[in-house]
PDB file of all heavy atoms in Angstrom:
ATOM      1  N   SER A   1       0.802  -1.176  -0.024  1.00  0.00           N
ATOM      2  CA  SER A   1      -0.021  -0.021   0.005  1.00  0.00           C
ATOM      3  C   SER A   1       0.814   1.228   0.018  1.00  0.00           C
ATOM      4  O   SER A   1       0.371   2.288  -0.295  1.00  0.00           O
ATOM      5  CB  SER A   1      -0.898  -0.008   1.243  1.00  0.00           C
ATOM      6  OG  SER A   1      -0.174   0.047   2.454  1.00  0.00           O
ATOM      7  N   MET A   2       2.192   1.139   0.444  1.00  0.00           N
ATOM      8  CA  MET A   2       3.041   2.271   0.464  1.00  0.00           C
ATOM      9  C   MET A   2       4.037   2.347  -0.787  1.00  0.00           C
ATOM     10  O   MET A   2       5.061   2.997  -0.708  1.00  0.00           O
ATOM     11  CB  MET A   2       3.807   2.246   1.765  1.00  0.00           C
ATOM     12  CG  MET A   2       2.916   2.365   3.005  1.00  0.00           C
ATOM     13  SD  MET A   2       2.079   3.958   3.036  1.00  0.00           S
ATOM     14  CE  MET A   2       3.496   5.034   3.482  1.00  0.00           C
ATOM     15  N   SER A   3       3.702   1.547  -1.786  1.00  0.00           N
ATOM     16  CA  SER A   3       4.517   1.520  -3.001  1.00  0.00           C
ATOM     17  C   SER A   3       3.772   0.967  -4.134  1.00  0.00           C
ATOM     18  O   SER A   3       2.545   0.868  -4.074  1.00  0.00           O
ATOM     19  CB  SER A   3       5.821   0.618  -2.722  1.00  0.00           C
ATOM     20  OG  SER A   3       6.679   0.728  -3.725  1.00  0.00           O
ATOM     21  N   ASP A   4       4.518   0.548  -5.124  1.00  0.00           N
ATOM     22  CA  ASP A   4       3.904  -0.242  -6.317  1.00  0.00           C
ATOM     23  C   ASP A   4       4.776  -1.399  -6.526  1.00  0.00           C
ATOM     24  O   ASP A   4       5.991  -1.349  -6.889  1.00  0.00           O
ATOM     25  CB  ASP A   4       3.861   0.713  -7.482  1.00  0.00           C
ATOM     26  CG  ASP A   4       3.022   0.073  -8.682  1.00  0.00           C
ATOM     27  OD1 ASP A   4       3.160  -1.201  -8.887  1.00  0.00           O
ATOM     28  OD2 ASP A   4       2.376   0.822  -9.389  1.00  0.00           O
ATOM     29  N   THR A   5       4.220  -2.639  -6.393  1.00  0.00           N
ATOM     30  CA  THR A   5       4.959  -3.819  -6.530  1.00  0.00           C
ATOM     31  C   THR A   5       5.745  -3.938  -7.828  1.00  0.00           C
ATOM     32  O   THR A   5       6.790  -4.535  -7.923  1.00  0.00           O
ATOM     33  CB  THR A   5       4.041  -5.075  -6.397  1.00  0.00           C
ATOM     34  OG1 THR A   5       3.325  -4.993  -5.155  1.00  0.00           O
ATOM     35  CG2 THR A   5       4.738  -6.408  -6.427  1.00  0.00           C
ATOM     36  N   PHE A   6       5.149  -3.359  -8.928  1.00  0.00           N
ATOM     37  CA  PHE A   6       5.792  -3.457 -10.254  1.00  0.00           C
ATOM     38  C   PHE A   6       6.532  -2.190 -10.704  1.00  0.00           C
ATOM     39  O   PHE A   6       6.703  -2.047 -11.911  1.00  0.00           O
ATOM     40  CB  PHE A   6       4.693  -3.863 -11.236  1.00  0.00           C
ATOM     41  CG  PHE A   6       4.013  -5.246 -10.899  1.00  0.00           C
ATOM     42  CD1 PHE A   6       2.968  -5.283 -10.140  1.00  0.00           C
ATOM     43  CD2 PHE A   6       4.609  -6.337 -11.460  1.00  0.00           C
ATOM     44  CE1 PHE A   6       2.362  -6.548  -9.792  1.00  0.00           C
ATOM     45  CE2 PHE A   6       4.059  -7.589 -11.185  1.00  0.00           C
ATOM     46  CZ  PHE A   6       2.869  -7.705 -10.305  1.00  0.00           C
ATOM     47  N   HIS A   7       6.972  -1.430  -9.703  1.00  0.00           N
ATOM     48  CA  HIS A   7       7.842  -0.327 -10.023  1.00  0.00           C
ATOM     49  C   HIS A   7       9.063  -0.728 -10.706  1.00  0.00           C
ATOM     50  O   HIS A   7       9.599  -1.843 -10.460  1.00  0.00           O
ATOM     51  CB  HIS A   7       8.158   0.452  -8.747  1.00  0.00           C
ATOM     52  CG  HIS A   7       8.784   1.806  -8.923  1.00  0.00           C
ATOM     53  ND1 HIS A   7      10.097   1.974  -9.256  1.00  0.00           N
ATOM     54  CD2 HIS A   7       8.311   3.053  -8.749  1.00  0.00           C
ATOM     55  CE1 HIS A   7      10.404   3.232  -9.314  1.00  0.00           C
ATOM     56  NE2 HIS A   7       9.368   3.906  -9.048  1.00  0.00           N
ATOM     57  N   LYS A   8       9.624   0.109 -11.672  1.00  0.00           N
ATOM     58  CA  LYS A   8      10.801  -0.227 -12.418  1.00  0.00           C
ATOM     59  C   LYS A   8      11.977  -0.563 -11.547  1.00  0.00           C
ATOM     60  O   LYS A   8      12.901  -1.298 -11.929  1.00  0.00           O
ATOM     61  CB  LYS A   8      11.093   0.831 -13.433  1.00  0.00           C
ATOM     62  CG  LYS A   8      11.505   2.175 -12.799  1.00  0.00           C
ATOM     63  CD  LYS A   8      11.853   3.246 -13.899  1.00  0.00           C
ATOM     64  CE  LYS A   8      12.151   4.533 -13.236  1.00  0.00           C
ATOM     65  NZ  LYS A   8      13.375   4.492 -12.358  1.00  0.00           N
ATOM     66  N   ASP A   9      12.069  -0.046 -10.333  1.00  0.00           N
ATOM     67  CA  ASP A   9      13.182  -0.223  -9.480  1.00  0.00           C
ATOM     68  C   ASP A   9      13.092  -1.507  -8.651  1.00  0.00           C
ATOM     69  O   ASP A   9      13.903  -1.796  -7.804  1.00  0.00           O
ATOM     70  CB  ASP A   9      13.343   0.966  -8.544  1.00  0.00           C
ATOM     71  CG  ASP A   9      13.853   2.180  -9.326  1.00  0.00           C
ATOM     72  OD1 ASP A   9      14.331   2.020 -10.447  1.00  0.00           O
ATOM     73  OD2 ASP A   9      13.685   3.288  -8.760  1.00  0.00           O
ATOM     74  N   VAL A  10      11.977  -2.248  -8.852  1.00  0.00           N
ATOM     75  CA  VAL A  10      11.828  -3.538  -8.206  1.00  0.00           C
ATOM     76  C   VAL A  10      12.067  -4.681  -9.182  1.00  0.00           C
ATOM     77  O   VAL A  10      11.424  -4.759 -10.195  1.00  0.00           O
ATOM     78  CB  VAL A  10      10.376  -3.741  -7.587  1.00  0.00           C
ATOM     79  CG1 VAL A  10      10.264  -5.010  -6.935  1.00  0.00           C
ATOM     80  CG2 VAL A  10      10.015  -2.558  -6.711  1.00  0.00           C
ATOM     81  N   THR A  11      13.103  -5.478  -8.901  1.00  0.00           N
ATOM     82  CA  THR A  11      13.481  -6.534  -9.893  1.00  0.00           C
ATOM     83  C   THR A  11      12.435  -7.581  -9.991  1.00  0.00           C
ATOM     84  O   THR A  11      11.695  -7.834  -9.064  1.00  0.00           O
ATOM     85  CB  THR A  11      14.919  -7.103  -9.487  1.00  0.00           C
ATOM     86  OG1 THR A  11      14.713  -7.866  -8.219  1.00  0.00           O
ATOM     87  CG2 THR A  11      15.924  -6.031  -9.312  1.00  0.00           C
ATOM     88  N   ASP A  12      12.568  -8.368 -11.054  1.00  0.00           N
ATOM     89  CA  ASP A  12      11.681  -9.532 -11.274  1.00  0.00           C
ATOM     90  C   ASP A  12      11.867 -10.541 -10.095  1.00  0.00           C
ATOM     91  O   ASP A  12      10.901 -11.160  -9.626  1.00  0.00           O
ATOM     92  CB  ASP A  12      11.958 -10.205 -12.560  1.00  0.00           C
ATOM     93  CG  ASP A  12      11.438  -9.488 -13.785  1.00  0.00           C
ATOM     94  OD1 ASP A  12      10.836  -8.398 -13.577  1.00  0.00           O
ATOM     95  OD2 ASP A  12      11.623  -9.961 -14.887  1.00  0.00           O
ATOM     96  N   LEU A  13      13.132 -10.682  -9.637  1.00  0.00           N
ATOM     97  CA  LEU A  13      13.397 -11.630  -8.592  1.00  0.00           C
ATOM     98  C   LEU A  13      12.665 -11.206  -7.318  1.00  0.00           C
ATOM     99  O   LEU A  13      12.032 -12.059  -6.597  1.00  0.00           O
ATOM    100  CB  LEU A  13      14.893 -11.684  -8.289  1.00  0.00           C
ATOM    101  CG  LEU A  13      15.304 -12.588  -7.092  1.00  0.00           C
ATOM    102  CD1 LEU A  13      14.860 -14.025  -7.248  1.00  0.00           C
ATOM    103  CD2 LEU A  13      16.862 -12.523  -6.887  1.00  0.00           C
ATOM    104  N   LYS A  14      12.657  -9.996  -6.990  1.00  0.00           N
ATOM    105  CA  LYS A  14      12.035  -9.491  -5.745  1.00  0.00           C
ATOM    106  C   LYS A  14      10.476  -9.633  -5.872  1.00  0.00           C
ATOM    107  O   LYS A  14       9.801 -10.027  -4.879  1.00  0.00           O
ATOM    108  CB  LYS A  14      12.469  -8.036  -5.469  1.00  0.00           C
ATOM    109  CG  LYS A  14      13.901  -7.925  -5.016  1.00  0.00           C
ATOM    110  CD  LYS A  14      14.294  -6.496  -4.910  1.00  0.00           C
ATOM    111  CE  LYS A  14      15.875  -6.412  -4.484  1.00  0.00           C
ATOM    112  NZ  LYS A  14      16.309  -4.998  -4.436  1.00  0.00           N
ATOM    113  N   ILE A  15       9.975  -9.373  -7.039  1.00  0.00           N
ATOM    114  CA  ILE A  15       8.510  -9.555  -7.196  1.00  0.00           C
ATOM    115  C   ILE A  15       8.266 -11.119  -7.020  1.00  0.00           C
ATOM    116  O   ILE A  15       7.178 -11.403  -6.362  1.00  0.00           O
ATOM    117  CB  ILE A  15       8.104  -9.101  -8.617  1.00  0.00           C
ATOM    118  CG1 ILE A  15       8.230  -7.594  -8.757  1.00  0.00           C
ATOM    119  CG2 ILE A  15       6.641  -9.564  -8.942  1.00  0.00           C
ATOM    120  CD1 ILE A  15       8.011  -7.100 -10.148  1.00  0.00           C
ATOM    121  N   GLN A  16       8.992 -11.930  -7.616  1.00  0.00           N
ATOM    122  CA  GLN A  16       8.780 -13.419  -7.464  1.00  0.00           C
ATOM    123  C   GLN A  16       8.829 -13.822  -5.974  1.00  0.00           C
ATOM    124  O   GLN A  16       8.073 -14.694  -5.525  1.00  0.00           O
ATOM    125  CB  GLN A  16       9.791 -14.174  -8.280  1.00  0.00           C
ATOM    126  CG  GLN A  16       9.404 -15.661  -8.399  1.00  0.00           C
ATOM    127  CD  GLN A  16       8.072 -15.875  -9.021  1.00  0.00           C
ATOM    128  OE1 GLN A  16       7.791 -15.447 -10.090  1.00  0.00           O
ATOM    129  NE2 GLN A  16       7.233 -16.597  -8.277  1.00  0.00           N
ATOM    130  N   LEU A  17       9.773 -13.252  -5.212  1.00  0.00           N
ATOM    131  CA  LEU A  17       9.876 -13.574  -3.828  1.00  0.00           C
ATOM    132  C   LEU A  17       8.602 -13.215  -3.073  1.00  0.00           C
ATOM    133  O   LEU A  17       8.159 -13.927  -2.150  1.00  0.00           O
ATOM    134  CB  LEU A  17      11.095 -12.886  -3.216  1.00  0.00           C
ATOM    135  CG  LEU A  17      12.506 -13.404  -3.560  1.00  0.00           C
ATOM    136  CD1 LEU A  17      13.608 -12.491  -3.070  1.00  0.00           C
ATOM    137  CD2 LEU A  17      12.692 -14.807  -3.034  1.00  0.00           C
ATOM    138  N   ILE A  18       8.020 -12.100  -3.396  1.00  0.00           N
ATOM    139  CA  ILE A  18       6.788 -11.650  -2.823  1.00  0.00           C
ATOM    140  C   ILE A  18       5.680 -12.629  -3.193  1.00  0.00           C
ATOM    141  O   ILE A  18       4.844 -13.016  -2.311  1.00  0.00           O
ATOM    142  CB  ILE A  18       6.462 -10.226  -3.189  1.00  0.00           C
ATOM    143  CG1 ILE A  18       7.445  -9.247  -2.599  1.00  0.00           C
ATOM    144  CG2 ILE A  18       5.033  -9.844  -2.816  1.00  0.00           C
ATOM    145  CD1 ILE A  18       7.353  -7.806  -3.114  1.00  0.00           C
ATOM    146  N   LEU A  19       5.526 -12.979  -4.449  1.00  0.00           N
ATOM    147  CA  LEU A  19       4.533 -13.911  -4.877  1.00  0.00           C
ATOM    148  C   LEU A  19       4.690 -15.303  -4.206  1.00  0.00           C
ATOM    149  O   LEU A  19       3.738 -15.948  -3.891  1.00  0.00           O
ATOM    150  CB  LEU A  19       4.558 -13.995  -6.416  1.00  0.00           C
ATOM    151  CG  LEU A  19       4.209 -12.764  -7.231  1.00  0.00           C
ATOM    152  CD1 LEU A  19       4.359 -13.008  -8.711  1.00  0.00           C
ATOM    153  CD2 LEU A  19       2.780 -12.364  -6.910  1.00  0.00           C
ATOM    154  N   ASP A  20       5.935 -15.703  -4.048  1.00  0.00           N
ATOM    155  CA  ASP A  20       6.165 -16.998  -3.427  1.00  0.00           C
ATOM    156  C   ASP A  20       5.681 -16.953  -1.924  1.00  0.00           C
ATOM    157  O   ASP A  20       5.064 -17.923  -1.427  1.00  0.00           O
ATOM    158  CB  ASP A  20       7.674 -17.315  -3.411  1.00  0.00           C
ATOM    159  CG  ASP A  20       8.229 -17.732  -4.811  1.00  0.00           C
ATOM    160  OD1 ASP A  20       7.410 -17.950  -5.699  1.00  0.00           O
ATOM    161  OD2 ASP A  20       9.428 -17.739  -4.964  1.00  0.00           O
ATOM    162  N   GLU A  21       5.921 -15.860  -1.317  1.00  0.00           N
ATOM    163  CA  GLU A  21       5.433 -15.714   0.109  1.00  0.00           C
ATOM    164  C   GLU A  21       3.925 -15.727   0.167  1.00  0.00           C
ATOM    165  O   GLU A  21       3.353 -16.283   1.063  1.00  0.00           O
ATOM    166  CB  GLU A  21       6.045 -14.342   0.634  1.00  0.00           C
ATOM    167  CG  GLU A  21       5.917 -14.283   2.203  1.00  0.00           C
ATOM    168  CD  GLU A  21       6.746 -15.300   2.911  1.00  0.00           C
ATOM    169  OE1 GLU A  21       7.711 -15.898   2.275  1.00  0.00           O
ATOM    170  OE2 GLU A  21       6.470 -15.567   4.126  1.00  0.00           O
ATOM    171  N   CYS A  22       3.317 -15.186  -0.847  1.00  0.00           N
ATOM    172  CA  CYS A  22       1.816 -15.164  -0.926  1.00  0.00           C
ATOM    173  C   CYS A  22       1.334 -16.652  -1.067  1.00  0.00           C
ATOM    174  O   CYS A  22       0.506 -17.132  -0.348  1.00  0.00           O
ATOM    175  CB  CYS A  22       1.331 -14.361  -2.075  1.00  0.00           C
ATOM    176  SG  CYS A  22       1.588 -12.599  -2.011  1.00  0.00           S
ATOM    177  N   TYR A  23       1.980 -17.401  -2.012  1.00  0.00           N
ATOM    178  CA  TYR A  23       1.724 -18.782  -2.159  1.00  0.00           C
ATOM    179  C   TYR A  23       1.804 -19.599  -0.883  1.00  0.00           C
ATOM    180  O   TYR A  23       0.927 -20.463  -0.616  1.00  0.00           O
ATOM    181  CB  TYR A  23       2.601 -19.316  -3.327  1.00  0.00           C
ATOM    182  CG  TYR A  23       2.455 -20.824  -3.475  1.00  0.00           C
ATOM    183  CD1 TYR A  23       1.448 -21.283  -4.279  1.00  0.00           C
ATOM    184  CD2 TYR A  23       3.345 -21.737  -2.913  1.00  0.00           C
ATOM    185  CE1 TYR A  23       1.309 -22.714  -4.465  1.00  0.00           C
ATOM    186  CE2 TYR A  23       3.224 -23.085  -3.070  1.00  0.00           C
ATOM    187  CZ  TYR A  23       2.216 -23.550  -3.885  1.00  0.00           C
ATOM    188  OH  TYR A  23       2.120 -24.944  -4.116  1.00  0.00           O
ATOM    189  N   PHE A  24       2.840 -19.459  -0.188  1.00  0.00           N
ATOM    190  CA  PHE A  24       3.071 -20.162   1.019  1.00  0.00           C
ATOM    191  C   PHE A  24       2.199 -19.776   2.225  1.00  0.00           C
ATOM    192  O   PHE A  24       2.235 -20.409   3.257  1.00  0.00           O
ATOM    193  CB  PHE A  24       4.498 -20.196   1.439  1.00  0.00           C
ATOM    194  CG  PHE A  24       5.392 -20.975   0.483  1.00  0.00           C
ATOM    195  CD1 PHE A  24       6.449 -20.312  -0.288  1.00  0.00           C
ATOM    196  CD2 PHE A  24       5.284 -22.336   0.297  1.00  0.00           C
ATOM    197  CE1 PHE A  24       7.192 -21.083  -1.102  1.00  0.00           C
ATOM    198  CE2 PHE A  24       6.070 -23.056  -0.558  1.00  0.00           C
ATOM    199  CZ  PHE A  24       7.021 -22.415  -1.293  1.00  0.00           C
ATOM    200  N   ASN A  25       1.450 -18.684   2.028  1.00  0.00           N
ATOM    201  CA  ASN A  25       0.570 -18.271   3.096  1.00  0.00           C
ATOM    202  C   ASN A  25      -0.946 -18.351   2.753  1.00  0.00           C
ATOM    203  O   ASN A  25      -1.733 -17.603   3.214  1.00  0.00           O
ATOM    204  CB  ASN A  25       0.917 -16.827   3.536  1.00  0.00           C
ATOM    205  CG  ASN A  25       2.145 -16.773   4.421  1.00  0.00           C
ATOM    206  OD1 ASN A  25       2.037 -17.022   5.598  1.00  0.00           O
ATOM    207  ND2 ASN A  25       3.317 -16.491   3.877  1.00  0.00           N
ATOM    208  N   ASP A  26      -1.283 -19.328   1.912  1.00  0.00           N
ATOM    209  CA  ASP A  26      -2.634 -19.695   1.667  1.00  0.00           C
ATOM    210  C   ASP A  26      -3.148 -20.281   3.002  1.00  0.00           C
ATOM    211  O   ASP A  26      -2.419 -20.930   3.704  1.00  0.00           O
ATOM    212  CB  ASP A  26      -2.612 -20.825   0.553  1.00  0.00           C
ATOM    213  CG  ASP A  26      -4.080 -21.097   0.158  1.00  0.00           C
ATOM    214  OD1 ASP A  26      -4.911 -20.203  -0.040  1.00  0.00           O
ATOM    215  OD2 ASP A  26      -4.349 -22.311  -0.047  1.00  0.00           O
ATOM    216  N   PRO A  27      -4.405 -19.972   3.505  1.00  0.00           N
ATOM    217  CA  PRO A  27      -5.555 -19.443   2.711  1.00  0.00           C
ATOM    218  C   PRO A  27      -5.775 -17.932   2.818  1.00  0.00           C
ATOM    219  O   PRO A  27      -6.834 -17.460   2.462  1.00  0.00           O
ATOM    220  CB  PRO A  27      -6.704 -20.174   3.445  1.00  0.00           C
ATOM    221  CG  PRO A  27      -6.283 -20.202   4.874  1.00  0.00           C
ATOM    222  CD  PRO A  27      -4.838 -20.405   4.830  1.00  0.00           C
TER     223      PRO A  27
END
């Protein structure tokens, strides 16, 4: 909420790490 996940200064790797964390915290 305090940034944009897909900002140009955020690498693909860092975005993937965030998505992985989402995956492992289902439900």
